[in-house]
Amino acid sequence: ELPSEHLVEGKPVTIDAFGEPVTVVRHEGCLYAISDTCPHRGGPLGKGELRDRKLFCPLHGWAFDLKPGHMDGSDRVKVSAYDCAESGGIVQLFKRR
């Protein structure tokens, strides 16, 4: 759980969830959550640049679409993506089935 007030439009926030760092971001009014760890070299995605619903790894620029967690241009390279729900000023994350 994360207080909604911590999520400013376009500014990623990294929290511990499901035993790993997860980056949560509000982009164009929608909430997204993906694993914070880039599979290439372990870069912290939450410290990367956000553009067009993609987070860019600060180490080597790999881009990950926030909705499915796939690397831009590849369905095989991905990070975990989580569902989000916001209610009563709290954001909750859920594992996808």
Protein backbone atom coordinates (compact mmCIF):
# COMPACT_ATOMS: atom_id res chain seq x y z
CA GLU A 1 0.00 0.00 0.00
CA LEU A 2 1.11 3.51 -0.84
CA PRO A 3 -0.54 6.81 0.09
CA SER A 4 -1.95 8.47 -3.06
CA GLU A 5 -0.37 11.77 -2.04
CA HIS A 6 3.08 10.28 -2.75
CA LEU A 7 2.24 9.84 -6.43
CA VAL A 8 2.72 13.02 -8.39
CA GLU A 9 1.89 12.85 -12.10
CA GLY A 10 4.93 11.66 -14.07
CA LYS A 11 7.22 11.08 -11.06
CA PRO A 12 8.04 7.41 -10.37
CA VAL A 13 8.09 6.19 -6.76
CA THR A 14 9.86 2.96 -5.79
CA ILE A 15 8.51 0.85 -2.94
CA ASP A 16 9.07 -2.66 -1.62
CA ALA A 17 6.24 -4.97 -2.68
CA PHE A 18 6.05 -8.72 -3.14
CA GLY A 19 9.64 -9.05 -1.90
CA GLU A 20 11.17 -6.84 -4.59
CA PRO A 21 11.51 -3.15 -5.47
CA VAL A 22 8.51 -2.02 -7.53
CA THR A 23 8.15 1.32 -9.27
CA VAL A 24 4.72 2.95 -9.22
CA VAL A 25 3.91 5.89 -11.46
CA ARG A 26 0.88 8.00 -12.29
CA HIS A 27 1.01 8.74 -16.02
CA GLU A 28 -1.75 10.68 -17.79
CA GLY A 29 -4.02 10.01 -14.82
CA CYS A 30 -3.54 6.22 -14.84
CA LEU A 31 -1.59 4.19 -12.29
CA TYR A 32 1.07 1.68 -13.35
CA ALA A 33 3.44 -0.55 -11.39
CA ILE A 34 6.39 -2.57 -12.72
CA SER A 35 9.43 -4.24 -11.26
CA ASP A 36 12.10 -1.64 -10.59
CA THR A 37 14.99 -3.85 -11.76
CA CYS A 38 16.03 -3.79 -15.41
CA PRO A 39 16.82 -7.35 -16.59
CA HIS A 40 19.84 -6.17 -18.58
CA ARG A 41 22.18 -4.94 -15.86
CA GLY A 42 19.93 -4.44 -12.82
CA GLY A 43 19.44 -0.72 -13.35
CA PRO A 44 16.82 1.02 -11.19
CA LEU A 45 13.97 1.80 -13.60
CA GLY A 46 12.37 4.21 -11.13
CA LYS A 47 15.36 6.51 -11.52
CA GLY A 48 15.00 6.55 -15.29
CA GLU A 49 13.21 8.96 -17.58
CA LEU A 50 9.47 8.60 -18.27
CA ARG A 51 8.28 9.24 -21.84
CA ASP A 52 5.17 8.08 -23.68
CA ARG A 53 4.15 5.49 -21.04
CA LYS A 54 7.69 4.06 -21.07
CA LEU A 55 10.34 4.05 -18.36
CA PHE A 56 13.90 4.20 -19.66
CA CYS A 57 16.63 2.44 -17.69
CA PRO A 58 19.17 5.03 -16.51
CA LEU A 59 22.10 2.69 -17.20
CA HIS A 60 21.66 1.77 -20.86
CA GLY A 61 18.38 3.29 -22.03
CA TRP A 62 16.29 0.14 -22.38
CA ALA A 63 12.63 1.26 -22.47
CA PHE A 64 9.81 -0.65 -20.76
CA ASP A 65 6.12 -0.07 -21.49
CA LEU A 66 4.42 0.54 -18.14
CA LYS A 67 1.23 -1.36 -18.98
CA PRO A 68 2.51 -4.81 -20.05
CA GLY A 69 6.08 -4.50 -18.71
CA HIS A 70 7.59 -5.46 -22.07
CA MET A 71 10.75 -3.88 -23.38
CA ASP A 72 10.04 -1.54 -26.27
CA GLY A 73 10.21 -3.62 -29.46
CA SER A 74 10.29 -7.03 -27.74
CA ASP A 75 7.62 -9.22 -26.16
CA ARG A 76 10.26 -11.61 -24.83
CA VAL A 77 12.23 -9.15 -22.67
CA LYS A 78 10.04 -7.91 -19.85
CA VAL A 79 9.72 -7.02 -16.20
CA SER A 80 6.84 -7.93 -13.92
CA ALA A 81 3.82 -5.63 -14.21
CA TYR A 82 1.22 -5.29 -11.47
CA ASP A 83 -2.37 -4.10 -11.34
CA CYS A 84 -3.14 -1.04 -9.24
CA ALA A 85 -6.27 0.15 -7.45
CA GLU A 86 -6.75 3.48 -5.71
CA SER A 87 -9.34 3.98 -3.01
CA GLY A 88 -9.64 6.22 0.02
CA GLY A 89 -6.27 7.85 -0.61
CA ILE A 90 -4.40 4.53 -0.76
CA VAL A 91 -2.88 2.76 -3.78
CA GLN A 92 -2.82 -1.02 -3.60
CA LEU A 93 -0.87 -3.34 -5.90
CA PHE A 94 -1.97 -6.79 -7.02
CA LYS A 95 -0.10 -9.56 -8.79
CA ARG A 96 -1.47 -10.34 -12.21
CA ARG A 97 -2.81 -13.81 -12.85
